[in-house]
């Protein structure tokens, strides 16, 4: 009788052990255990991989998957990053925050260039069987490329006809305040504002800047243009009345070459352009 009791007890014990081991082995695991505490930098943007032609009024759809959003079986304490908005500016104002996942411009972009795009993610934590938002918002920088849009043949012929008349204004021109900026955006890093000011760079190519970044360039030039009375290498004084800055921008006048500082040179260009309109 005792042997039977012992045998039954041993059988029951073995069954319990097998059930416990089986439950441990076959226990459903978190399908995405690696995403319990994901890094926001692991978030991915889709749709901006290839260069895009930004024709006027054309907008491209793109999508963003935040790190941890693929966690289909979350457990207590898991985290994920949910995309909230995006901007072309690293520290955007409310007006510069975009919640529609489309990118484009009404005026278009004709040049080939690379731009930064910042996506802002909000941290969510899984607590009490639900995802809860936190006040933690971080941004991740991505990039997209605009493809060159070649002008139409009739526009090419018009630009050829006007090139000769414009060439006389290009001699030694470094900074210009022309407001002709159709189809251009500011080329300052991370800026997506309209490029209303033109700058001829060191390479000779025309660059476009918004008023803010153009003013910053102007400030740098003003700092570089020392007072002629103090500068050791200055050869020309600005021809503007009462200005003692170095004249770095030559202008062919009736009596010969005159030299102006950048500030007064830009004022002069503005007057000339207004008279030509």
Protein backbone atom coordinates (compact mmCIF):
# COMPACT_ATOMS: atom_id res chain seq x y z
CA UNK A 1 0.00 0.00 0.00
CA UNK A 2 2.80 2.36 0.87
CA UNK A 3 4.52 1.57 -2.41
CA UNK A 4 1.39 2.52 -4.34
CA UNK A 5 1.10 5.80 -2.43
CA UNK A 6 4.73 6.59 -3.10
CA UNK A 7 4.33 5.74 -6.76
CA UNK A 8 1.26 7.95 -7.09
CA UNK A 9 3.01 10.77 -5.24
CA UNK A 10 6.07 10.46 -7.49
CA UNK A 11 3.86 10.46 -10.59
CA UNK A 12 2.04 13.58 -9.45
CA UNK A 13 5.34 15.29 -8.68
CA UNK A 14 6.70 14.43 -12.12
CA UNK A 15 3.54 15.74 -13.77
CA UNK A 16 3.80 19.02 -11.84
CA UNK A 17 7.45 19.42 -12.83
CA UNK A 18 6.65 18.73 -16.49
CA UNK A 19 3.78 21.26 -16.47
CA UNK A 20 5.93 23.95 -14.85
CA UNK A 21 8.80 23.40 -17.27
CA UNK A 22 6.42 23.31 -20.23
CA UNK A 23 4.71 26.52 -19.13
CA UNK A 24 8.10 28.22 -18.84
CA UNK A 25 9.27 27.00 -22.25
CA UNK A 26 6.07 27.84 -24.13
CA UNK A 27 5.27 31.07 -22.31
CA UNK A 28 4.50 33.79 -24.93
CA UNK A 29 7.34 36.27 -25.07
CA UNK A 30 7.30 39.93 -25.99
CA UNK A 31 7.40 39.90 -29.80
CA UNK A 32 9.66 42.91 -29.83
CA UNK A 33 11.74 42.65 -26.69
CA UNK A 34 14.45 44.83 -28.22
CA UNK A 35 12.04 47.77 -28.36
CA UNK A 36 11.32 47.95 -24.63
CA UNK A 37 13.44 51.08 -24.25
CA UNK A 38 14.28 52.12 -27.82
CA UNK A 39 16.51 55.00 -28.84
CA UNK A 40 14.66 57.80 -30.63
CA UNK A 41 17.49 57.78 -33.20
CA UNK A 42 16.20 54.39 -34.39
CA UNK A 43 13.11 56.09 -35.84
CA UNK A 44 12.82 55.82 -39.62
CA UNK A 45 11.55 58.13 -42.37
CA UNK A 46 10.18 56.63 -45.60
CA UNK A 47 9.64 58.40 -48.92
CA UNK A 48 12.58 60.84 -48.97
CA UNK A 49 15.33 58.52 -50.19
CA UNK A 50 15.47 59.63 -53.82
CA UNK A 51 16.01 63.17 -55.22
CA UNK A 52 12.66 64.89 -55.84
CA UNK A 53 11.69 67.52 -58.39
CA UNK A 54 9.97 70.27 -56.44
CA UNK A 55 7.81 71.71 -59.18
CA UNK A 56 5.55 74.61 -58.12
CA UNK A 57 2.58 73.30 -56.17
CA UNK A 58 3.76 69.68 -56.15
CA UNK A 59 3.87 67.94 -52.77
CA UNK A 60 5.33 64.56 -51.85
CA UNK A 61 3.96 62.22 -49.18
CA UNK A 62 6.35 60.73 -46.67
CA UNK A 63 5.88 58.66 -43.53
CA UNK A 64 7.64 58.27 -40.21
CA UNK A 65 7.79 55.23 -37.94
CA UNK A 66 8.92 56.09 -34.44
CA UNK A 67 11.27 53.84 -32.52
CA UNK A 68 9.24 51.28 -30.57
CA UNK A 69 6.00 51.80 -32.50
CA UNK A 70 6.27 48.24 -33.82
CA UNK A 71 5.95 46.86 -30.29
CA UNK A 72 2.71 44.89 -30.68
CA UNK A 73 2.90 43.15 -27.32
CA UNK A 74 3.98 45.83 -24.82
CA UNK A 75 4.52 45.19 -21.16
CA UNK A 76 4.61 47.48 -18.17
CA UNK A 77 7.35 50.10 -18.49
CA UNK A 78 7.91 49.74 -22.24
CA UNK A 79 8.56 52.93 -24.19
CA UNK A 80 8.03 54.19 -27.71
CA UNK A 81 8.55 57.44 -29.65
CA UNK A 82 5.55 58.79 -31.54
CA UNK A 83 6.10 61.35 -34.37
CA UNK A 84 4.19 64.57 -33.59
CA UNK A 85 5.34 67.13 -36.19
CA UNK A 86 8.23 68.12 -38.44
CA UNK A 87 9.98 71.28 -39.53
CA UNK A 88 12.80 72.61 -41.70
CA UNK A 89 14.02 74.54 -38.66
CA UNK A 90 15.84 72.94 -35.73
CA UNK A 91 14.05 75.11 -33.16
CA UNK A 92 10.76 75.93 -34.88
CA UNK A 93 8.12 78.39 -33.86
CA UNK A 94 4.49 77.17 -33.74
CA UNK A 95 3.97 78.46 -37.28
CA UNK A 96 6.95 76.46 -38.52
CA UNK A 97 5.68 73.15 -37.10
CA UNK A 98 4.10 70.89 -39.74
CA UNK A 99 1.64 68.16 -38.81
CA UNK A 100 0.78 67.10 -42.36
CA UNK A 101 3.27 64.54 -43.65
CA UNK A 102 3.68 66.15 -47.05
CA UNK A 103 6.60 68.20 -48.32
CA UNK A 104 6.73 70.72 -51.16
CA UNK A 105 6.39 74.41 -51.95
CA UNK A 106 3.96 76.52 -53.94
CA UNK A 107 6.81 78.29 -55.74
CA UNK A 108 8.91 75.20 -56.35
CA UNK A 109 12.68 74.67 -56.09
CA UNK A 110 14.66 74.65 -59.33
CA UNK A 111 18.15 73.92 -57.98
CA UNK A 112 19.65 70.62 -56.91
CA UNK A 113 20.47 70.83 -53.21
CA UNK A 114 20.41 68.96 -49.91
CA UNK A 115 18.24 70.14 -47.03
CA UNK A 116 17.75 69.14 -43.42
CA UNK A 117 14.37 68.00 -42.12
CA UNK A 118 13.69 67.69 -38.40
CA UNK A 119 11.10 65.26 -37.05
CA UNK A 120 9.93 65.71 -33.46
CA UNK A 121 8.93 62.65 -31.42
CA UNK A 122 7.04 62.41 -28.15
CA UNK A 123 7.97 59.72 -25.65
CA UNK A 124 5.18 57.33 -24.62
CA UNK A 125 5.34 54.88 -21.68
CA UNK A 126 3.19 51.76 -21.26
CA UNK A 127 1.59 51.89 -17.82
CA UNK A 128 -1.53 50.23 -16.39
CA UNK A 129 -2.25 48.44 -19.67
CA UNK A 130 -2.21 51.59 -21.82
CA UNK A 131 0.21 53.94 -23.57
CA UNK A 132 0.61 57.29 -21.83
CA UNK A 133 2.19 60.42 -23.29
CA UNK A 134 5.02 62.20 -21.49
CA UNK A 135 6.41 65.74 -21.76
CA UNK A 136 9.63 64.41 -23.28
CA UNK A 137 9.93 65.55 -26.93
CA UNK A 138 13.10 65.00 -28.96
CA UNK A 139 14.02 65.75 -32.56
CA UNK A 140 15.94 63.71 -35.10
CA UNK A 141 17.55 65.27 -38.18
CA UNK A 142 17.06 63.71 -41.59
CA UNK A 143 17.92 64.96 -45.08
CA UNK A 144 16.27 65.10 -48.49
CA UNK A 145 17.60 66.10 -51.90
CA UNK A 146 15.94 68.31 -54.50
CA UNK A 147 16.55 67.45 -58.14
CA UNK A 148 17.36 70.17 -60.66
CA UNK A 149 14.48 71.37 -62.81
CA UNK A 150 15.75 72.62 -66.15
CA UNK A 151 13.95 75.69 -67.54
CA UNK A 152 11.75 75.50 -70.61
CA UNK A 153 13.21 76.36 -74.01
CA UNK A 154 11.44 79.70 -74.27
CA UNK A 155 12.70 80.70 -70.84
CA UNK A 156 16.21 79.70 -71.92
CA UNK A 157 16.00 81.93 -74.97
CA UNK A 158 14.75 84.85 -72.88
CA UNK A 159 17.56 84.42 -70.38
CA UNK A 160 20.07 84.37 -73.25
CA UNK A 161 18.72 87.63 -74.64
CA UNK A 162 18.91 89.30 -71.24
CA UNK A 163 22.32 87.92 -70.29
CA UNK A 164 24.24 90.57 -72.21
CA UNK A 165 22.40 93.45 -70.53
CA UNK A 166 22.87 91.92 -67.10
CA UNK A 167 26.57 91.13 -67.52
CA UNK A 168 27.60 94.74 -66.96
CA UNK A 169 26.22 94.58 -63.41
CA UNK A 170 28.24 91.47 -62.54
CA UNK A 171 31.72 93.03 -62.39
CA UNK A 172 33.25 92.40 -58.97
CA UNK A 173 29.79 92.06 -57.42
CA UNK A 174 29.89 90.14 -54.15
CA UNK A 175 26.59 90.89 -52.39
CA UNK A 176 23.38 92.06 -53.94
CA UNK A 177 20.02 92.92 -52.41
CA UNK A 178 17.89 92.12 -55.47
CA UNK A 179 14.48 90.82 -54.50
CA UNK A 180 14.04 88.57 -57.53
CA UNK A 181 13.81 85.18 -55.78
CA UNK A 182 11.16 83.16 -57.59
CA UNK A 183 11.59 79.41 -57.10
CA UNK A 184 14.35 79.84 -54.51
CA UNK A 185 14.57 79.11 -50.81
CA UNK A 186 17.15 80.21 -48.29
CA UNK A 187 20.37 78.22 -48.57
CA UNK A 188 21.32 78.62 -44.92
CA UNK A 189 21.62 75.24 -43.24
CA UNK A 190 18.23 74.08 -41.97
CA UNK A 191 16.31 77.12 -43.25
CA UNK A 192 13.28 76.68 -45.50
CA UNK A 193 12.18 80.29 -45.80
CA UNK A 194 11.91 82.11 -49.13
CA UNK A 195 15.25 83.30 -50.49
CA UNK A 196 14.57 86.97 -51.17
CA UNK A 197 18.20 88.11 -51.16
CA UNK A 198 20.94 87.06 -53.56
CA UNK A 199 24.62 86.58 -52.83
CA UNK A 200 27.34 85.81 -55.33
CA UNK A 201 29.54 83.28 -53.59
CA UNK A 202 33.25 82.66 -53.91
CA UNK A 203 32.59 80.10 -56.67
CA UNK A 204 30.78 82.74 -58.69
CA UNK A 205 27.39 81.06 -58.34
CA UNK A 206 24.36 82.95 -57.09
CA UNK A 207 23.12 81.95 -53.65
CA UNK A 208 19.75 82.82 -52.12
CA UNK A 209 19.01 83.74 -48.50
CA UNK A 210 16.08 84.85 -46.40
CA UNK A 211 16.21 88.32 -44.86
CA UNK A 212 17.39 87.01 -41.48
CA UNK A 213 20.36 85.04 -42.77
CA UNK A 214 21.20 87.73 -45.32
CA UNK A 215 21.41 90.23 -42.46
CA UNK A 216 23.71 87.88 -40.57
CA UNK A 217 26.01 87.72 -43.61
CA UNK A 218 25.87 91.50 -43.83
CA UNK A 219 26.87 91.81 -40.16
CA UNK A 220 29.87 89.55 -40.74
CA UNK A 221 30.96 91.67 -43.72
CA UNK A 222 30.56 94.85 -41.70
CA UNK A 223 32.81 93.42 -39.00
CA UNK A 224 35.42 92.51 -41.60
CA UNK A 225 35.40 95.97 -43.17
CA UNK A 226 37.56 97.96 -40.79
CA UNK A 227 37.74 101.71 -40.50
CA UNK A 228 40.17 102.87 -43.17
CA UNK A 229 41.88 105.13 -40.68
CA UNK A 230 42.73 102.08 -38.52
CA UNK A 231 43.13 99.34 -41.08
CA UNK A 232 46.67 98.54 -42.16
CA UNK A 233 45.79 97.07 -45.56
CA UNK A 234 42.92 99.35 -46.58
CA UNK A 235 43.39 101.19 -49.87
CA UNK A 236 39.97 102.69 -50.53
CA UNK A 237 37.50 104.56 -48.38
CA UNK A 238 33.77 104.12 -48.95
CA UNK A 239 32.61 106.87 -51.32
CA UNK A 240 29.38 107.34 -49.35
CA UNK A 241 29.31 110.67 -47.54
CA UNK A 242 30.36 110.40 -43.90
CA UNK A 243 31.36 106.71 -44.09
CA UNK A 244 34.87 105.71 -43.04
CA UNK A 245 34.58 102.01 -43.74
CA UNK A 246 36.72 100.22 -46.28
CA UNK A 247 35.43 100.37 -49.85
CA UNK A 248 35.47 96.75 -50.98
CA UNK A 249 32.88 96.94 -53.78
CA UNK A 250 33.97 98.84 -56.93
CA UNK A 251 31.41 100.70 -59.04
CA UNK A 252 32.18 102.29 -62.39
CA UNK A 253 30.93 105.89 -62.19
CA UNK A 254 31.13 108.77 -64.65
CA UNK A 255 34.37 110.01 -63.16
CA UNK A 256 35.99 106.58 -62.87
CA UNK A 257 35.87 103.74 -60.35
CA UNK A 258 34.26 104.42 -56.99
CA UNK A 259 34.47 102.14 -53.97
CA UNK A 260 31.72 101.44 -51.45
CA UNK A 261 31.38 99.38 -48.29
CA UNK A 262 28.90 96.53 -48.58
CA UNK A 263 26.13 98.40 -46.75
CA UNK A 264 26.19 101.43 -49.04
CA UNK A 265 26.85 99.26 -52.08
CA UNK A 266 23.63 97.35 -51.40
CA UNK A 267 21.76 100.64 -50.95
CA UNK A 268 23.08 101.76 -54.31
CA UNK A 269 22.02 98.50 -55.98
CA UNK A 270 18.53 98.83 -54.51
CA UNK A 271 18.21 102.33 -55.99
CA UNK A 272 19.42 101.13 -59.40
CA UNK A 273 17.01 98.18 -59.38
CA UNK A 274 14.06 100.34 -58.37
CA UNK A 275 14.83 102.75 -61.22
CA UNK A 276 15.05 99.88 -63.69
CA UNK A 277 11.58 98.53 -62.86
